[in-house]
Amino acid sequence: MSEFVTVAKVGEIPEGEGRNYPVNGRMVAIFCVDGKYSAINDSCPHMGASLAAGYVEDGAVLCPWHAWRFCVKDGTWLDSPKSPLKCDSYEVRVEGHDIQVLVPDPPPRKPEPESP
């Protein structure tokens, strides 16, 4: 069952930047914007670049490879907001000095069909 996982301490992610952390089998990018933390999938859906390494401005992160822009709060592809392409977003909370993120369990694997 999914639960909140501590990934960093308050202050470890500089304002206007992101850092990536492994959580529940995924790499998650945590951003600090206006003193608030948000989390999206770290992998750009275009070519897989780390979004945590991208430039953050006005609530958006620019993919460091091709400058596609994603909302750090909900993962929306800002260059084409009506597109279904987006990054998964995750719930973040601060407990004391801990930054915690909730990443759902991955779906169960389907069994491989048996060969005849």
Foldseek 3Di string as FASTA:
>chain_A
DWDKDFDDFQPPADEQAWDWDDDQNFIKIWHQYPNDIWIWGQAQPPHGAGQRPFGGDPQWGARPPPGFIARRHAFARVVCRVDPDGTHIWDWDQDPGTIITIDDHDDDDDDDDDDD
